[in-house]
Amino acid sequence: TMAKKVLQPGEVLKVDTGCIVGFTKEVHYDI
């Protein structure tokens, strides 16, 4: 099942590394 999250500026989402499908270029991705 797919979940779509629209993050506001500064909002952080913590995700299992394997569960990421993709994101827009503005999103800052780290571990």
ModelCIF file with pLDDT and N, C-alpha, C, O atoms, coordinates in Angstrom:
data_MODEL
#
_entry.id   MODEL 
#
_entity.id                         1 
_entity.type                       polymer 
_entity.pdbx_number_of_molecules   1 
#
_entity_poly.entity_id                      1 
_entity_poly.type                           'polypeptide(L)' 
_entity_poly.nstd_linkage                   no 
_entity_poly.nstd_monomer                   no 
_entity_poly.pdbx_seq_one_letter_code       TMAKKVLQPGEVLKVDTGCIVGFTKEVHYDI 
_entity_poly.pdbx_seq_one_letter_code_can   TMAKKVLQPGEVLKVDTGCIVGFTKEVHYDI 
_entity_poly.pdbx_strand_id                 A 
#
loop_
_entity_poly_seq.entity_id 
_entity_poly_seq.num 
_entity_poly_seq.mon_id 
_entity_poly_seq.hetero 
1 1  THR n 
1 2  MET n 
1 3  ALA n 
1 4  LYS n 
1 5  LYS n 
1 6  VAL n 
1 7  LEU n 
1 8  GLN n 
1 9  PRO n 
1 10 GLY n 
1 11 GLU n 
1 12 VAL n 
1 13 LEU n 
1 14 LYS n 
1 15 VAL n 
1 16 ASP n 
1 17 THR n 
1 18 GLY n 
1 19 CYS n 
1 20 ILE n 
1 21 VAL n 
1 22 GLY n 
1 23 PHE n 
1 24 THR n 
1 25 LYS n 
1 26 GLU n 
1 27 VAL n 
1 28 HIS n 
1 29 TYR n 
1 30 ASP n 
1 31 ILE n 
#
_struct_asym.id          A 
_struct_asym.entity_id   1 
#
loop_
_ma_qa_metric.id 
_ma_qa_metric.mode 
_ma_qa_metric.name 
_ma_qa_metric.software_group_id 
_ma_qa_metric.type 
1 global pLDDT . pLDDT 
2 local  pLDDT . pLDDT 
#
_ma_qa_metric_global.metric_id      1 
_ma_qa_metric_global.metric_value   91.68 
_ma_qa_metric_global.model_id       1 
_ma_qa_metric_global.ordinal_id     1 
#
loop_
_ma_qa_metric_local.label_asym_id 
_ma_qa_metric_local.label_comp_id 
_ma_qa_metric_local.label_seq_id 
_ma_qa_metric_local.metric_id 
_ma_qa_metric_local.metric_value 
_ma_qa_metric_local.model_id 
_ma_qa_metric_local.ordinal_id 
A THR 1  2 91.00 1 1  
A MET 2  2 92.00 1 2  
A ALA 3  2 94.00 1 3  
A LYS 4  2 95.00 1 4  
A LYS 5  2 96.00 1 5  
A VAL 6  2 96.00 1 6  
A LEU 7  2 96.00 1 7  
A GLN 8  2 96.00 1 8  
A PRO 9  2 96.00 1 9  
A GLY 10 2 95.00 1 10 
A GLU 11 2 96.00 1 11 
A VAL 12 2 95.00 1 12 
A LEU 13 2 94.00 1 13 
A LYS 14 2 91.00 1 14 
A VAL 15 2 90.00 1 15 
A ASP 16 2 86.00 1 16 
A THR 17 2 81.00 1 17 
A GLY 18 2 84.00 1 18 
A CYS 19 2 89.00 1 19 
A ILE 20 2 90.00 1 20 
A VAL 21 2 92.00 1 21 
A GLY 22 2 93.00 1 22 
A PHE 23 2 95.00 1 23 
A THR 24 2 95.00 1 24 
A LYS 25 2 92.00 1 25 
A GLU 26 2 94.00 1 26 
A VAL 27 2 94.00 1 27 
A HIS 28 2 91.00 1 28 
A TYR 29 2 88.00 1 29 
A ASP 30 2 85.00 1 30 
A ILE 31 2 80.00 1 31 
#
loop_
_atom_site.group_PDB 
_atom_site.id 
_atom_site.type_symbol 
_atom_site.label_atom_id 
_atom_site.label_alt_id 
_atom_site.label_comp_id 
_atom_site.label_asym_id 
_atom_site.label_entity_id 
_atom_site.label_seq_id 
_atom_site.pdbx_PDB_ins_code 
_atom_site.Cartn_x 
_atom_site.Cartn_y 
_atom_site.Cartn_z 
_atom_site.occupancy 
_atom_site.B_iso_or_equiv 
_atom_site.pdbx_formal_charge 
_atom_site.auth_seq_id 
_atom_site.auth_comp_id 
_atom_site.auth_asym_id 
_atom_site.auth_atom_id 
_atom_site.pdbx_PDB_model_num 
ATOM 1   N N  . THR A 1 1  ? 0.843  -1.197 0.000  1.00 91.00 ? 1  THR A N  1 
ATOM 2   C CA . THR A 1 1  ? 0.000  0.000  0.000  1.00 91.00 ? 1  THR A CA 1 
ATOM 3   C C  . THR A 1 1  ? 0.879  1.248  0.000  1.00 91.00 ? 1  THR A C  1 
ATOM 4   O O  . THR A 1 1  ? 1.888  1.309  0.702  1.00 91.00 ? 1  THR A O  1 
ATOM 5   N N  . MET A 1 2  ? 0.487  2.237  -0.791 1.00 92.00 ? 2  MET A N  1 
ATOM 6   C CA . MET A 1 2  ? 1.285  3.453  -0.913 1.00 92.00 ? 2  MET A CA 1 
ATOM 7   C C  . MET A 1 2  ? 0.716  4.546  -0.024 1.00 92.00 ? 2  MET A C  1 
ATOM 8   O O  . MET A 1 2  ? -0.500 4.715  0.071  1.00 92.00 ? 2  MET A O  1 
ATOM 9   N N  . ALA A 1 3  ? 1.615  5.293  0.632  1.00 94.00 ? 3  ALA A N  1 
ATOM 10  C CA . ALA A 1 3  ? 1.233  6.458  1.421  1.00 94.00 ? 3  ALA A CA 1 
ATOM 11  C C  . ALA A 1 3  ? 1.903  7.689  0.832  1.00 94.00 ? 3  ALA A C  1 
ATOM 12  O O  . ALA A 1 3  ? 3.107  7.687  0.575  1.00 94.00 ? 3  ALA A O  1 
ATOM 13  N N  . LYS A 1 4  ? 1.118  8.743  0.617  1.00 95.00 ? 4  LYS A N  1 
ATOM 14  C CA . LYS A 1 4  ? 1.650  10.010 0.106  1.00 95.00 ? 4  LYS A CA 1 
ATOM 15  C C  . LYS A 1 4  ? 1.622  11.037 1.227  1.00 95.00 ? 4  LYS A C  1 
ATOM 16  O O  . LYS A 1 4  ? 0.575  11.290 1.822  1.00 95.00 ? 4  LYS A O  1 
ATOM 17  N N  . LYS A 1 5  ? 2.781  11.629 1.514  1.00 96.00 ? 5  LYS A N  1 
ATOM 18  C CA . LYS A 1 5  ? 2.896  12.615 2.568  1.00 96.00 ? 5  LYS A CA 1 
ATOM 19  C C  . LYS A 1 5  ? 3.391  13.940 1.975  1.00 96.00 ? 5  LYS A C  1 
ATOM 20  O O  . LYS A 1 5  ? 4.415  13.981 1.294  1.00 96.00 ? 5  LYS A O  1 
ATOM 21  N N  . VAL A 1 6  ? 2.659  15.004 2.242  1.00 96.00 ? 6  VAL A N  1 
ATOM 22  C CA . VAL A 1 6  ? 3.084  16.345 1.823  1.00 96.00 ? 6  VAL A CA 1 
ATOM 23  C C  . VAL A 1 6  ? 3.645  17.046 3.063  1.00 96.00 ? 6  VAL A C  1 
ATOM 24  O O  . VAL A 1 6  ? 2.901  17.404 3.976  1.00 96.00 ? 6  VAL A O  1 
ATOM 25  N N  . LEU A 1 7  ? 4.965  17.237 3.081  1.00 96.00 ? 7  LEU A N  1 
ATOM 26  C CA . LEU A 1 7  ? 5.643  17.799 4.241  1.00 96.00 ? 7  LEU A CA 1 
ATOM 27  C C  . LEU A 1 7  ? 5.712  19.316 4.150  1.00 96.00 ? 7  LEU A C  1 
ATOM 28  O O  . LEU A 1 7  ? 6.014  19.881 3.099  1.00 96.00 ? 7  LEU A O  1 
ATOM 29  N N  . GLN A 1 8  ? 5.427  19.952 5.260  1.00 96.00 ? 8  GLN A N  1 
ATOM 30  C CA . GLN A 1 8  ? 5.544  21.404 5.345  1.00 96.00 ? 8  GLN A CA 1 
ATOM 31  C C  . GLN A 1 8  ? 7.005  21.773 5.636  1.00 96.00 ? 8  GLN A C  1 
ATOM 32  O O  . GLN A 1 8  ? 7.779  20.913 6.057  1.00 96.00 ? 8  GLN A O  1 
ATOM 33  N N  . PRO A 1 9  ? 7.391  23.026 5.421  1.00 96.00 ? 9  PRO A N  1 
ATOM 34  C CA . PRO A 1 9  ? 8.779  23.423 5.704  1.00 96.00 ? 9  PRO A CA 1 
ATOM 35  C C  . PRO A 1 9  ? 9.189  23.083 7.138  1.00 96.00 ? 9  PRO A C  1 
ATOM 36  O O  . PRO A 1 9  ? 8.530  23.482 8.098  1.00 96.00 ? 9  PRO A O  1 
ATOM 37  N N  . GLY A 1 10 ? 10.289 22.339 7.264  1.00 95.00 ? 10 GLY A N  1 
ATOM 38  C CA . GLY A 1 10 ? 10.788 21.954 8.573  1.00 95.00 ? 10 GLY A CA 1 
ATOM 39  C C  . GLY A 1 10 ? 10.159 20.707 9.157  1.00 95.00 ? 10 GLY A C  1 
ATOM 40  O O  . GLY A 1 10 ? 10.669 20.168 10.139 1.00 95.00 ? 10 GLY A O  1 
ATOM 41  N N  . GLU A 1 11 ? 9.057  20.230 8.576  1.00 96.00 ? 11 GLU A N  1 
ATOM 42  C CA . GLU A 1 11 ? 8.398  19.026 9.084  1.00 96.00 ? 11 GLU A CA 1 
ATOM 43  C C  . GLU A 1 11 ? 9.246  17.794 8.752  1.00 96.00 ? 11 GLU A C  1 
ATOM 44  O O  . GLU A 1 11 ? 9.758  17.668 7.639  1.00 96.00 ? 11 GLU A O  1 
ATOM 45  N N  . VAL A 1 12 ? 9.391  16.880 9.731  1.00 95.00 ? 12 VAL A N  1 
ATOM 46  C CA . VAL A 1 12 ? 10.261 15.714 9.584  1.00 95.00 ? 12 VAL A CA 1 
ATOM 47  C C  . VAL A 1 12 ? 9.440  14.431 9.651  1.00 95.00 ? 12 VAL A C  1 
ATOM 48  O O  . VAL A 1 12 ? 8.578  14.279 10.516 1.00 95.00 ? 12 VAL A O  1 
ATOM 49  N N  . LEU A 1 13 ? 9.715  13.523 8.742  1.00 94.00 ? 13 LEU A N  1 
ATOM 50  C CA . LEU A 1 13 ? 9.103  12.199 8.725  1.00 94.00 ? 13 LEU A CA 1 
ATOM 51  C C  . LEU A 1 13 ? 10.210 11.164 8.843  1.00 94.00 ? 13 LEU A C  1 
ATOM 52  O O  . LEU A 1 13 ? 11.165 11.187 8.066  1.00 94.00 ? 13 LEU A O  1 
ATOM 53  N N  . LYS A 1 14 ? 10.093 10.247 9.815  1.00 91.00 ? 14 LYS A N  1 
ATOM 54  C CA . LYS A 1 14 ? 11.074 9.180  10.006 1.00 91.00 ? 14 LYS A CA 1 
ATOM 55  C C  . LYS A 1 14 ? 10.529 7.892  9.414  1.00 91.00 ? 14 LYS A C  1 
ATOM 56  O O  . LYS A 1 14 ? 9.415  7.475  9.730  1.00 91.00 ? 14 LYS A O  1 
ATOM 57  N N  . VAL A 1 15 ? 11.331 7.257  8.545  1.00 90.00 ? 15 VAL A N  1 
ATOM 58  C CA . VAL A 1 15 ? 10.848 6.141  7.733  1.00 90.00 ? 15 VAL A CA 1 
ATOM 59  C C  . VAL A 1 15 ? 11.888 5.020  7.727  1.00 90.00 ? 15 VAL A C  1 
ATOM 60  O O  . VAL A 1 15 ? 13.090 5.283  7.765  1.00 90.00 ? 15 VAL A O  1 
ATOM 61  N N  . ASP A 1 16 ? 11.425 3.777  7.680  1.00 86.00 ? 16 ASP A N  1 
ATOM 62  C CA . ASP A 1 16 ? 12.330 2.659  7.422  1.00 86.00 ? 16 ASP A CA 1 
ATOM 63  C C  . ASP A 1 16 ? 12.996 2.895  6.067  1.00 86.00 ? 16 ASP A C  1 
ATOM 64  O O  . ASP A 1 16 ? 12.337 3.268  5.097  1.00 86.00 ? 16 ASP A O  1 
ATOM 65  N N  . THR A 1 17 ? 14.317 2.673  6.015  1.00 81.00 ? 17 THR A N  1 
ATOM 66  C CA . THR A 1 17 ? 15.058 3.021  4.798  1.00 81.00 ? 17 THR A CA 1 
ATOM 67  C C  . THR A 1 17 ? 14.539 2.302  3.556  1.00 81.00 ? 17 THR A C  1 
ATOM 68  O O  . THR A 1 17 ? 14.584 2.858  2.459  1.00 81.00 ? 17 THR A O  1 
ATOM 69  N N  . GLY A 1 18 ? 14.049 1.078  3.713  1.00 84.00 ? 18 GLY A N  1 
ATOM 70  C CA . GLY A 1 18 ? 13.568 0.332  2.557  1.00 84.00 ? 18 GLY A CA 1 
ATOM 71  C C  . GLY A 1 18 ? 12.181 0.735  2.102  1.00 84.00 ? 18 GLY A C  1 
ATOM 72  O O  . GLY A 1 18 ? 11.757 0.353  1.011  1.00 84.00 ? 18 GLY A O  1 
ATOM 73  N N  . CYS A 1 19 ? 11.464 1.500  2.915  1.00 89.00 ? 19 CYS A N  1 
ATOM 74  C CA . CYS A 1 19 ? 10.078 1.857  2.591  1.00 89.00 ? 19 CYS A CA 1 
ATOM 75  C C  . CYS A 1 19 ? 9.951  3.126  1.765  1.00 89.00 ? 19 CYS A C  1 
ATOM 76  O O  . CYS A 1 19 ? 8.846  3.491  1.365  1.00 89.00 ? 19 CYS A O  1 
ATOM 77  N N  . ILE A 1 20 ? 11.063 3.806  1.503  1.00 90.00 ? 20 ILE A N  1 
ATOM 78  C CA . ILE A 1 20 ? 11.007 5.012  0.678  1.00 90.00 ? 20 ILE A CA 1 
ATOM 79  C C  . ILE A 1 20 ? 10.841 4.622  -0.793 1.00 90.00 ? 20 ILE A C  1 
ATOM 80  O O  . ILE A 1 20 ? 11.616 3.824  -1.319 1.00 90.00 ? 20 ILE A O  1 
ATOM 81  N N  . VAL A 1 21 ? 9.831  5.186  -1.448 1.00 92.00 ? 21 VAL A N  1 
ATOM 82  C CA . VAL A 1 21 ? 9.660  5.000  -2.888 1.00 92.00 ? 21 VAL A CA 1 
ATOM 83  C C  . VAL A 1 21 ? 10.320 6.153  -3.632 1.00 92.00 ? 21 VAL A C  1 
ATOM 84  O O  . VAL A 1 21 ? 11.095 5.934  -4.563 1.00 92.00 ? 21 VAL A O  1 
ATOM 85  N N  . GLY A 1 22 ? 10.015 7.374  -3.224 1.00 93.00 ? 22 GLY A N  1 
ATOM 86  C CA . GLY A 1 22 ? 10.596 8.536  -3.889 1.00 93.00 ? 22 GLY A CA 1 
ATOM 87  C C  . GLY A 1 22 ? 10.153 9.818  -3.224 1.00 93.00 ? 22 GLY A C  1 
ATOM 88  O O  . GLY A 1 22 ? 9.302  9.813  -2.335 1.00 93.00 ? 22 GLY A O  1 
ATOM 89  N N  . PHE A 1 23 ? 10.749 10.935 -3.671 1.00 95.00 ? 23 PHE A N  1 
ATOM 90  C CA . PHE A 1 23 ? 10.424 12.235 -3.095 1.00 95.00 ? 23 PHE A CA 1 
ATOM 91  C C  . PHE A 1 23 ? 10.822 13.330 -4.069 1.00 95.00 ? 23 PHE A C  1 
ATOM 92  O O  . PHE A 1 23 ? 11.611 13.108 -4.987 1.00 95.00 ? 23 PHE A O  1 
ATOM 93  N N  . THR A 1 24 ? 10.267 14.512 -3.858 1.00 95.00 ? 24 THR A N  1 
ATOM 94  C CA . THR A 1 24 ? 10.580 15.645 -4.716 1.00 95.00 ? 24 THR A CA 1 
ATOM 95  C C  . THR A 1 24 ? 11.950 16.210 -4.346 1.00 95.00 ? 24 THR A C  1 
ATOM 96  O O  . THR A 1 24 ? 12.482 15.931 -3.271 1.00 95.00 ? 24 THR A O  1 
ATOM 97  N N  . LYS A 1 25 ? 12.507 17.004 -5.249 1.00 92.00 ? 25 LYS A N  1 
ATOM 98  C CA . LYS A 1 25 ? 13.888 17.446 -5.094 1.00 92.00 ? 25 LYS A CA 1 
ATOM 99  C C  . LYS A 1 25 ? 14.094 18.395 -3.919 1.00 92.00 ? 25 LYS A C  1 
ATOM 100 O O  . LYS A 1 25 ? 15.226 18.563 -3.465 1.00 92.00 ? 25 LYS A O  1 
ATOM 101 N N  . GLU A 1 26 ? 13.025 19.023 -3.410 1.00 94.00 ? 26 GLU A N  1 
ATOM 102 C CA . GLU A 1 26 ? 13.167 19.948 -2.290 1.00 94.00 ? 26 GLU A CA 1 
ATOM 103 C C  . GLU A 1 26 ? 13.359 19.227 -0.962 1.00 94.00 ? 26 GLU A C  1 
ATOM 104 O O  . GLU A 1 26 ? 13.858 19.821 -0.006 1.00 94.00 ? 26 GLU A O  1 
ATOM 105 N N  . VAL A 1 27 ? 12.970 17.959 -0.888 1.00 94.00 ? 27 VAL A N  1 
ATOM 106 C CA . VAL A 1 27 ? 13.042 17.208 0.365  1.00 94.00 ? 27 VAL A CA 1 
ATOM 107 C C  . VAL A 1 27 ? 14.496 16.919 0.727  1.00 94.00 ? 27 VAL A C  1 
ATOM 108 O O  . VAL A 1 27 ? 15.282 16.499 -0.121 1.00 94.00 ? 27 VAL A O  1 
ATOM 109 N N  . HIS A 1 28 ? 14.846 17.147 1.992  1.00 91.00 ? 28 HIS A N  1 
ATOM 110 C CA . HIS A 1 28 ? 16.189 16.841 2.485  1.00 91.00 ? 28 HIS A CA 1 
ATOM 111 C C  . HIS A 1 28 ? 16.173 15.434 3.074  1.00 91.00 ? 28 HIS A C  1 
ATOM 112 O O  . HIS A 1 28 ? 15.443 15.156 4.026  1.00 91.00 ? 28 HIS A O  1 
ATOM 113 N N  . TYR A 1 29 ? 16.991 14.546 2.493  1.00 88.00 ? 29 TYR A N  1 
ATOM 114 C CA . TYR A 1 29 ? 17.022 13.135 2.873  1.00 88.00 ? 29 TYR A CA 1 
ATOM 115 C C  . TYR A 1 29 ? 18.313 12.825 3.603  1.00 88.00 ? 29 TYR A C  1 
ATOM 116 O O  . TYR A 1 29 ? 19.403 13.111 3.108  1.00 88.00 ? 29 TYR A O  1 
ATOM 117 N N  . ASP A 1 30 ? 18.182 12.225 4.810  1.00 85.00 ? 30 ASP A N  1 
ATOM 118 C CA . ASP A 1 30 ? 19.360 11.841 5.585  1.00 85.00 ? 30 ASP A CA 1 
ATOM 119 C C  . ASP A 1 30 ? 19.017 10.572 6.367  1.00 85.00 ? 30 ASP A C  1 
ATOM 120 O O  . ASP A 1 30 ? 17.880 10.101 6.327  1.00 85.00 ? 30 ASP A O  1 
ATOM 121 N N  . ILE A 1 31 ? 19.996 10.025 7.072  1.00 80.00 ? 31 ILE A N  1 
ATOM 122 C CA . ILE A 1 31 ? 19.758 8.851  7.909  1.00 80.00 ? 31 ILE A CA 1 
ATOM 123 C C  . ILE A 1 31 ? 20.081 9.194  9.357  1.00 80.00 ? 31 ILE A C  1 
ATOM 124 O O  . ILE A 1 31 ? 19.950 8.344  10.237 1.00 80.00 ? 31 ILE A O  1 
#
